[in-house]
Amino acid sequence: MSTATATWTSSSVRRWSSGRHFGRVTGVLFNLSRQLTALRLARVGLSWPLAVQAVAPGSLALLMLAASELSPRLSLGPLGQLGIDPSTTVTLPVVLAGVAPNPQEIPLLVPANSALVDVTIFAQALVVPPGGTLLVAHLSGVVRENITW
């Protein structure tokens, strides 16, 4: 079993000797090149903030929400893997992505409707570097969330 030691880099991101990067949340792995995370649980009638971050300042992110995920995931070559079902997907306006370790927060309001309790929603982002095209864009991982009270 190998051991890893943590050191702090100038960008305030913990770097482990094994090559893994950790963000500001202790013990949570972050993919610092195209990360989408939920900052808290989705609750009926409250804001559900998602955070998106990229490597390069000025990167854009297209956030997509879906009612179901793809299993197995659909490989899109250099874009990565599409993990949400396109037939149930709604896209939100393009936003400026934050730069690690300071992601851009995107607040989404969950309607105050009790019928949404226990509904599962999925989110994924397409991150495009500044001046880039879809040829250099990447898909984030999928965020899966059950709406609660």
N, C-alpha and C. Protein backbone atom coordinates (compact mmCIF):
# COMPACT_ATOMS: atom_id res chain seq x y z
N MET A 1 0.85 -1.18 0.00
CA MET A 1 0.00 0.00 0.00
C MET A 1 0.89 1.23 0.00
N SER A 2 0.66 2.14 -0.95
CA SER A 2 1.48 3.33 -1.03
C SER A 2 0.92 4.43 -0.14
N THR A 3 1.80 5.32 0.28
CA THR A 3 1.36 6.45 1.09
C THR A 3 1.50 7.72 0.28
N ALA A 4 0.71 8.72 0.62
CA ALA A 4 0.76 9.99 -0.09
C ALA A 4 0.90 11.10 0.93
N THR A 5 1.68 12.10 0.58
CA THR A 5 1.81 13.25 1.46
C THR A 5 1.22 14.47 0.77
N ALA A 6 0.71 15.39 1.57
CA ALA A 6 0.07 16.58 1.01
C ALA A 6 1.00 17.77 1.10
N THR A 7 1.02 18.57 0.04
CA THR A 7 1.76 19.83 0.04
C THR A 7 0.85 20.89 -0.54
N TRP A 8 1.07 22.14 -0.15
CA TRP A 8 0.26 23.24 -0.68
C TRP A 8 1.02 23.89 -1.82
N THR A 9 0.34 24.14 -2.92
CA THR A 9 0.93 24.80 -4.06
C THR A 9 0.55 26.26 -4.01
N SER A 10 1.14 27.06 -4.88
CA SER A 10 0.88 28.50 -4.88
C SER A 10 -0.56 28.82 -5.22
N SER A 11 -1.28 27.92 -5.84
CA SER A 11 -2.67 28.18 -6.21
C SER A 11 -3.64 27.80 -5.09
N SER A 12 -3.12 27.52 -3.90
CA SER A 12 -3.94 27.16 -2.73
C SER A 12 -4.73 25.88 -2.94
N VAL A 13 -4.25 24.99 -3.76
CA VAL A 13 -4.89 23.71 -3.97
C VAL A 13 -3.96 22.64 -3.44
N ARG A 14 -4.48 21.75 -2.63
CA ARG A 14 -3.65 20.70 -2.06
C ARG A 14 -3.29 19.70 -3.15
N ARG A 15 -2.02 19.41 -3.27
CA ARG A 15 -1.54 18.43 -4.24
C ARG A 15 -0.96 17.26 -3.48
N TRP A 16 -1.44 16.08 -3.78
CA TRP A 16 -0.95 14.87 -3.14
C TRP A 16 0.15 14.28 -3.99
N SER A 17 1.10 13.63 -3.33
CA SER A 17 2.23 13.06 -4.05
C SER A 17 1.80 12.01 -5.06
N SER A 18 0.59 11.47 -4.90
CA SER A 18 0.09 10.49 -5.86
C SER A 18 -0.42 11.16 -7.12
N GLY A 19 -0.42 12.51 -7.17
CA GLY A 19 -0.87 13.23 -8.36
C GLY A 19 -2.32 13.67 -8.29
N ARG A 20 -3.04 13.29 -7.24
CA ARG A 20 -4.44 13.69 -7.12
C ARG A 20 -4.52 15.11 -6.58
N HIS A 21 -5.55 15.84 -7.00
CA HIS A 21 -5.75 17.21 -6.53
C HIS A 21 -6.93 17.24 -5.59
N PHE A 22 -6.83 18.00 -4.52
CA PHE A 22 -7.93 18.16 -3.59
C PHE A 22 -8.27 19.63 -3.51
N GLY A 23 -9.55 19.93 -3.50
CA GLY A 23 -9.99 21.32 -3.39
C GLY A 23 -10.06 21.75 -1.94
N ARG A 24 -10.86 22.79 -1.69
CA ARG A 24 -10.94 23.34 -0.34
C ARG A 24 -11.73 22.44 0.60
N VAL A 25 -12.51 21.49 0.10
CA VAL A 25 -13.26 20.58 0.95
C VAL A 25 -12.36 19.38 1.23
N THR A 26 -12.00 19.18 2.48
CA THR A 26 -11.06 18.14 2.86
C THR A 26 -11.58 16.76 2.46
N GLY A 27 -10.76 16.00 1.76
CA GLY A 27 -11.08 14.63 1.42
C GLY A 27 -11.96 14.45 0.20
N VAL A 28 -12.28 15.52 -0.51
CA VAL A 28 -13.13 15.41 -1.70
C VAL A 28 -12.26 15.61 -2.93
N LEU A 29 -12.26 14.63 -3.81
CA LEU A 29 -11.48 14.75 -5.04
C LEU A 29 -12.12 15.74 -5.98
N PHE A 30 -11.31 16.57 -6.59
CA PHE A 30 -11.80 17.53 -7.58
C PHE A 30 -11.05 17.32 -8.89
N ASN A 31 -11.79 17.30 -9.97
CA ASN A 31 -11.20 17.28 -11.30
C ASN A 31 -11.06 18.75 -11.67
N LEU A 32 -9.88 19.30 -11.52
CA LEU A 32 -9.71 20.74 -11.63
C LEU A 32 -9.77 21.26 -13.06
N SER A 33 -9.86 20.40 -14.04
CA SER A 33 -9.91 20.90 -15.41
C SER A 33 -11.33 21.13 -15.90
N ARG A 34 -12.31 20.46 -15.36
CA ARG A 34 -13.69 20.63 -15.83
C ARG A 34 -14.65 20.05 -14.78
N GLN A 35 -14.80 20.76 -13.72
CA GLN A 35 -15.52 20.26 -12.56
C GLN A 35 -16.87 20.92 -12.40
N LEU A 36 -17.88 20.11 -12.11
CA LEU A 36 -19.21 20.60 -11.75
C LEU A 36 -19.57 19.93 -10.43
N THR A 37 -19.93 20.71 -9.43
CA THR A 37 -20.29 20.16 -8.13
C THR A 37 -21.55 20.83 -7.61
N ALA A 38 -22.27 20.12 -6.77
CA ALA A 38 -23.41 20.69 -6.06
C ALA A 38 -22.90 21.15 -4.70
N LEU A 39 -23.19 22.41 -4.35
CA LEU A 39 -22.68 22.95 -3.10
C LEU A 39 -23.51 22.53 -1.90
N ARG A 40 -24.77 22.15 -2.14
CA ARG A 40 -25.61 21.61 -1.07
C ARG A 40 -26.75 20.84 -1.70
N LEU A 41 -27.56 20.21 -0.86
CA LEU A 41 -28.68 19.41 -1.33
C LEU A 41 -29.73 20.25 -2.04
N ALA A 42 -30.41 19.64 -3.01
CA ALA A 42 -31.54 20.30 -3.67
C ALA A 42 -32.75 20.14 -2.77
N ARG A 43 -33.34 21.27 -2.35
CA ARG A 43 -34.48 21.23 -1.45
C ARG A 43 -35.62 22.04 -2.04
N VAL A 44 -36.82 21.53 -1.88
CA VAL A 44 -38.03 22.17 -2.41
C VAL A 44 -38.12 23.60 -1.90
N GLY A 45 -38.32 24.55 -2.83
CA GLY A 45 -38.51 25.94 -2.48
C GLY A 45 -37.25 26.72 -2.17
N LEU A 46 -36.07 26.08 -2.29
CA LEU A 46 -34.81 26.76 -1.97
C LEU A 46 -33.88 26.77 -3.18
N SER A 47 -32.84 27.57 -3.07
CA SER A 47 -31.83 27.63 -4.12
C SER A 47 -30.95 26.38 -4.05
N TRP A 48 -30.63 25.84 -5.21
CA TRP A 48 -29.71 24.70 -5.32
C TRP A 48 -28.49 25.19 -6.10
N PRO A 49 -27.44 25.60 -5.39
CA PRO A 49 -26.28 26.14 -6.10
C PRO A 49 -25.37 25.04 -6.67
N LEU A 50 -25.03 25.21 -7.92
CA LEU A 50 -24.03 24.37 -8.56
C LEU A 50 -22.80 25.23 -8.77
N ALA A 51 -21.64 24.63 -8.78
CA ALA A 51 -20.39 25.36 -8.99
C ALA A 51 -19.64 24.73 -10.15
N VAL A 52 -19.16 25.56 -11.06
CA VAL A 52 -18.40 25.06 -12.21
C VAL A 52 -17.05 25.77 -12.23
N GLN A 53 -16.00 24.98 -12.51
CA GLN A 53 -14.67 25.56 -12.59
C GLN A 53 -13.90 24.96 -13.75
N ALA A 54 -12.94 25.74 -14.23
CA ALA A 54 -12.13 25.34 -15.37
C ALA A 54 -10.66 25.68 -15.07
N VAL A 55 -9.77 25.29 -15.96
CA VAL A 55 -8.35 25.56 -15.78
C VAL A 55 -8.02 27.00 -16.19
N ALA A 56 -8.53 27.43 -17.34
CA ALA A 56 -8.15 28.73 -17.90
C ALA A 56 -9.18 29.81 -17.57
N PRO A 57 -8.72 30.99 -17.15
CA PRO A 57 -9.64 32.11 -16.95
C PRO A 57 -10.33 32.46 -18.26
N GLY A 58 -11.60 32.80 -18.19
CA GLY A 58 -12.36 33.14 -19.38
C GLY A 58 -13.04 31.97 -20.05
N SER A 59 -12.95 30.78 -19.45
CA SER A 59 -13.64 29.62 -20.00
C SER A 59 -15.14 29.78 -19.83
N LEU A 60 -15.89 29.23 -20.77
CA LEU A 60 -17.35 29.28 -20.71
C LEU A 60 -17.90 27.91 -20.37
N ALA A 61 -19.07 27.89 -19.73
CA ALA A 61 -19.70 26.62 -19.37
C ALA A 61 -21.16 26.63 -19.76
N LEU A 62 -21.58 25.58 -20.42
CA LEU A 62 -22.98 25.36 -20.76
C LEU A 62 -23.51 24.31 -19.80
N LEU A 63 -24.42 24.72 -18.92
CA LEU A 63 -24.97 23.82 -17.92
C LEU A 63 -26.21 23.13 -18.48
N MET A 64 -26.28 21.81 -18.30
CA MET A 64 -27.40 21.02 -18.79
C MET A 64 -28.02 20.26 -17.62
N LEU A 65 -29.36 20.30 -17.53
CA LEU A 65 -30.10 19.55 -16.52
C LEU A 65 -30.92 18.49 -17.23
N ALA A 66 -31.07 17.33 -16.60
CA ALA A 66 -31.81 16.24 -17.23
C ALA A 66 -32.60 15.47 -16.18
N ALA A 67 -33.62 14.76 -16.66
CA ALA A 67 -34.45 13.93 -15.79
C ALA A 67 -33.93 12.51 -15.67
N SER A 68 -32.98 12.13 -16.54
CA SER A 68 -32.42 10.78 -16.45
C SER A 68 -30.98 10.80 -16.95
N GLU A 69 -30.25 9.77 -16.55
CA GLU A 69 -28.86 9.67 -17.00
C GLU A 69 -28.69 8.53 -17.99
N LEU A 70 -27.62 8.58 -18.74
CA LEU A 70 -27.33 7.53 -19.71
C LEU A 70 -26.55 6.41 -19.03
N SER A 71 -26.94 5.20 -19.32
CA SER A 71 -26.21 4.05 -18.81
C SER A 71 -26.22 2.98 -19.89
N PRO A 72 -25.11 2.68 -20.50
CA PRO A 72 -23.79 3.24 -20.25
C PRO A 72 -23.66 4.65 -20.84
N ARG A 73 -22.63 5.34 -20.40
CA ARG A 73 -22.38 6.69 -20.89
C ARG A 73 -22.01 6.65 -22.37
N LEU A 74 -22.29 7.75 -23.06
CA LEU A 74 -22.00 7.85 -24.49
C LEU A 74 -20.67 8.56 -24.68
N SER A 75 -19.70 7.85 -25.24
CA SER A 75 -18.38 8.45 -25.48
C SER A 75 -18.46 9.40 -26.67
N LEU A 76 -17.99 10.63 -26.46
CA LEU A 76 -17.98 11.63 -27.52
C LEU A 76 -16.55 12.01 -27.89
N GLY A 77 -15.68 11.03 -27.87
CA GLY A 77 -14.28 11.25 -28.25
C GLY A 77 -13.59 12.23 -27.32
N PRO A 78 -12.94 13.25 -27.88
CA PRO A 78 -12.19 14.19 -27.04
C PRO A 78 -13.06 15.05 -26.12
N LEU A 79 -14.36 15.11 -26.37
CA LEU A 79 -15.25 15.87 -25.47
C LEU A 79 -15.43 15.17 -24.12
N GLY A 80 -15.26 13.88 -24.09
CA GLY A 80 -15.48 13.11 -22.88
C GLY A 80 -16.71 12.24 -23.02
N GLN A 81 -17.37 11.97 -21.91
CA GLN A 81 -18.53 11.08 -21.92
C GLN A 81 -19.80 11.83 -21.53
N LEU A 82 -20.80 11.71 -22.39
CA LEU A 82 -22.10 12.29 -22.09
C LEU A 82 -22.79 11.36 -21.11
N GLY A 83 -23.17 11.90 -19.95
CA GLY A 83 -23.76 11.07 -18.91
C GLY A 83 -25.23 11.34 -18.66
N ILE A 84 -25.81 12.33 -19.36
CA ILE A 84 -27.22 12.63 -19.18
C ILE A 84 -27.98 12.34 -20.46
N ASP A 85 -29.24 12.00 -20.32
CA ASP A 85 -30.08 11.63 -21.46
C ASP A 85 -30.46 12.87 -22.25
N PRO A 86 -30.01 13.00 -23.50
CA PRO A 86 -30.32 14.18 -24.30
C PRO A 86 -31.83 14.41 -24.52
N SER A 87 -32.62 13.33 -24.49
CA SER A 87 -34.05 13.49 -24.73
C SER A 87 -34.78 14.13 -23.55
N THR A 88 -34.14 14.19 -22.38
CA THR A 88 -34.76 14.82 -21.20
C THR A 88 -33.98 16.05 -20.75
N THR A 89 -33.07 16.53 -21.58
CA THR A 89 -32.16 17.61 -21.19
C THR A 89 -32.70 18.99 -21.49
N VAL A 90 -32.48 19.88 -20.55
CA VAL A 90 -32.77 21.31 -20.71
C VAL A 90 -31.44 22.03 -20.53
N THR A 91 -31.10 22.94 -21.45
CA THR A 91 -29.85 23.68 -21.32
C THR A 91 -30.14 25.06 -20.75
N LEU A 92 -29.24 25.54 -19.93
CA LEU A 92 -29.33 26.86 -19.35
C LEU A 92 -28.40 27.80 -20.11
N PRO A 93 -28.55 29.11 -19.93
CA PRO A 93 -27.66 30.04 -20.63
C PRO A 93 -26.19 29.80 -20.27
N VAL A 94 -25.32 30.12 -21.20
CA VAL A 94 -23.88 29.96 -21.00
C VAL A 94 -23.42 30.91 -19.90
N VAL A 95 -22.53 30.42 -19.03
CA VAL A 95 -21.97 31.24 -17.95
C VAL A 95 -20.45 31.20 -18.02
N LEU A 96 -19.83 32.17 -17.39
CA LEU A 96 -18.38 32.19 -17.26
C LEU A 96 -17.99 31.21 -16.17
N ALA A 97 -17.10 30.29 -16.46
CA ALA A 97 -16.66 29.31 -15.46
C ALA A 97 -15.63 29.94 -14.55
N GLY A 98 -15.64 29.55 -13.29
CA GLY A 98 -14.62 30.01 -12.36
C GLY A 98 -13.32 29.27 -12.62
N VAL A 99 -12.26 29.74 -11.98
CA VAL A 99 -10.96 29.11 -12.12
C VAL A 99 -10.60 28.50 -10.77
N ALA A 100 -10.12 27.26 -10.80
CA ALA A 100 -9.77 26.56 -9.57
C ALA A 100 -8.77 27.38 -8.77
N PRO A 101 -8.95 27.50 -7.48
CA PRO A 101 -9.91 26.83 -6.63
C PRO A 101 -11.16 27.66 -6.33
N ASN A 102 -11.50 28.62 -7.16
CA ASN A 102 -12.66 29.48 -6.93
C ASN A 102 -13.70 29.28 -8.02
N PRO A 103 -14.59 28.29 -7.87
CA PRO A 103 -15.57 28.01 -8.91
C PRO A 103 -16.64 29.10 -9.01
N GLN A 104 -17.27 29.17 -10.17
CA GLN A 104 -18.39 30.08 -10.38
C GLN A 104 -19.66 29.42 -9.86
N GLU A 105 -20.36 30.09 -8.96
CA GLU A 105 -21.59 29.54 -8.39
C GLU A 105 -22.77 29.90 -9.28
N ILE A 106 -23.61 28.90 -9.56
CA ILE A 106 -24.80 29.08 -10.38
C ILE A 106 -26.00 28.69 -9.52
N PRO A 107 -26.75 29.66 -9.00
CA PRO A 107 -27.89 29.32 -8.14
C PRO A 107 -29.11 28.94 -8.99
N LEU A 108 -29.67 27.79 -8.71
CA LEU A 108 -30.88 27.34 -9.40
C LEU A 108 -31.99 27.22 -8.36
N LEU A 109 -33.14 27.76 -8.64
CA LEU A 109 -34.25 27.72 -7.70
C LEU A 109 -35.08 26.46 -7.94
N VAL A 110 -35.25 25.66 -6.90
CA VAL A 110 -36.11 24.48 -6.97
C VAL A 110 -37.52 24.97 -6.62
N PRO A 111 -38.50 24.76 -7.50
CA PRO A 111 -39.85 25.25 -7.23
C PRO A 111 -40.42 24.68 -5.92
N ALA A 112 -41.25 25.47 -5.28
CA ALA A 112 -41.89 25.05 -4.02
C ALA A 112 -43.09 24.19 -4.33
N ASN A 113 -42.82 22.98 -4.82
CA ASN A 113 -43.87 22.05 -5.22
C ASN A 113 -43.55 20.69 -4.57
N SER A 114 -44.42 20.24 -3.68
CA SER A 114 -44.16 18.99 -2.95
C SER A 114 -44.07 17.77 -3.87
N ALA A 115 -44.59 17.87 -5.08
CA ALA A 115 -44.51 16.75 -6.02
C ALA A 115 -43.07 16.48 -6.46
N LEU A 116 -42.18 17.44 -6.23
CA LEU A 116 -40.77 17.27 -6.62
C LEU A 116 -39.95 16.47 -5.60
N VAL A 117 -40.50 16.25 -4.41
CA VAL A 117 -39.76 15.50 -3.38
C VAL A 117 -39.49 14.08 -3.90
N ASP A 118 -38.26 13.65 -3.76
CA ASP A 118 -37.76 12.34 -4.20
C ASP A 118 -37.57 12.22 -5.71
N VAL A 119 -37.73 13.31 -6.44
CA VAL A 119 -37.40 13.31 -7.86
C VAL A 119 -35.89 13.43 -7.98
N THR A 120 -35.29 12.65 -8.86
CA THR A 120 -33.85 12.72 -9.09
C THR A 120 -33.58 13.57 -10.32
N ILE A 121 -32.65 14.52 -10.18
CA ILE A 121 -32.24 15.34 -11.32
C ILE A 121 -30.75 15.15 -11.55
N PHE A 122 -30.32 15.40 -12.76
CA PHE A 122 -28.94 15.20 -13.15
C PHE A 122 -28.43 16.47 -13.82
N ALA A 123 -27.18 16.80 -13.60
CA ALA A 123 -26.58 17.99 -14.20
C ALA A 123 -25.21 17.62 -14.76
N GLN A 124 -24.87 18.26 -15.88
CA GLN A 124 -23.56 18.09 -16.50
C GLN A 124 -23.24 19.39 -17.20
N ALA A 125 -21.96 19.73 -17.30
CA ALA A 125 -21.55 20.97 -17.95
C ALA A 125 -20.58 20.68 -19.09
N LEU A 126 -20.69 21.48 -20.13
CA LEU A 126 -19.72 21.47 -21.22
C LEU A 126 -18.87 22.71 -21.03
N VAL A 127 -17.57 22.53 -20.80
CA VAL A 127 -16.65 23.64 -20.53
C VAL A 127 -15.79 23.88 -21.75
N VAL A 128 -15.82 25.14 -22.24
CA VAL A 128 -15.06 25.52 -23.43
C VAL A 128 -14.00 26.54 -23.03
N PRO A 129 -12.71 26.27 -23.29
CA PRO A 129 -11.65 27.22 -22.96
C PRO A 129 -11.81 28.52 -23.74
N PRO A 130 -11.22 29.62 -23.25
CA PRO A 130 -11.36 30.90 -23.96
C PRO A 130 -10.78 30.82 -25.36
N GLY A 131 -11.53 31.36 -26.32
CA GLY A 131 -11.09 31.32 -27.71
C GLY A 131 -11.15 29.95 -28.33
N GLY A 132 -11.67 28.99 -27.59
CA GLY A 132 -11.70 27.61 -28.06
C GLY A 132 -12.93 27.30 -28.87
N THR A 133 -12.95 26.13 -29.43
CA THR A 133 -14.08 25.63 -30.17
C THR A 133 -14.54 24.35 -29.49
N LEU A 134 -15.56 23.74 -30.02
CA LEU A 134 -16.01 22.46 -29.46
C LEU A 134 -14.95 21.38 -29.56
N LEU A 135 -13.95 21.58 -30.42
CA LEU A 135 -12.89 20.58 -30.56
C LEU A 135 -11.99 20.52 -29.33
N VAL A 136 -11.97 21.58 -28.52
CA VAL A 136 -11.14 21.58 -27.32
C VAL A 136 -11.98 21.66 -26.04
N ALA A 137 -13.29 21.53 -26.18
CA ALA A 137 -14.20 21.55 -25.02
C ALA A 137 -14.16 20.20 -24.31
N HIS A 138 -14.64 20.19 -23.07
CA HIS A 138 -14.71 18.96 -22.28
C HIS A 138 -16.01 18.91 -21.50
N LEU A 139 -16.53 17.72 -21.31
CA LEU A 139 -17.70 17.52 -20.48
C LEU A 139 -17.27 17.26 -19.04
N SER A 140 -18.03 17.81 -18.09
CA SER A 140 -17.77 17.56 -16.68
C SER A 140 -18.32 16.19 -16.31
N GLY A 141 -18.10 15.82 -15.07
CA GLY A 141 -18.77 14.65 -14.53
C GLY A 141 -20.24 14.97 -14.31
N VAL A 142 -21.03 13.97 -13.99
CA VAL A 142 -22.47 14.14 -13.78
C VAL A 142 -22.75 14.33 -12.29
N VAL A 143 -23.56 15.32 -11.98
CA VAL A 143 -24.04 15.53 -10.61
C VAL A 143 -25.43 14.91 -10.55
N ARG A 144 -25.64 14.02 -9.59
CA ARG A 144 -26.94 13.34 -9.39
C ARG A 144 -27.49 13.80 -8.06
N GLU A 145 -28.72 14.27 -8.05
CA GLU A 145 -29.29 14.82 -6.83
C GLU A 145 -30.76 14.43 -6.66
N ASN A 146 -31.12 13.95 -5.46
CA ASN A 146 -32.52 13.69 -5.13
C ASN A 146 -33.06 14.91 -4.41
N ILE A 147 -34.15 15.45 -4.88
CA ILE A 147 -34.77 16.62 -4.26
C ILE A 147 -35.41 16.20 -2.94
N THR A 148 -35.17 17.00 -1.90
CA THR A 148 -35.69 16.69 -0.58
C THR A 148 -36.49 17.88 -0.04
N TRP A 149 -37.04 17.70 1.16
CA TRP A 149 -37.75 18.81 1.83
C TRP A 149 -36.77 19.79 2.33
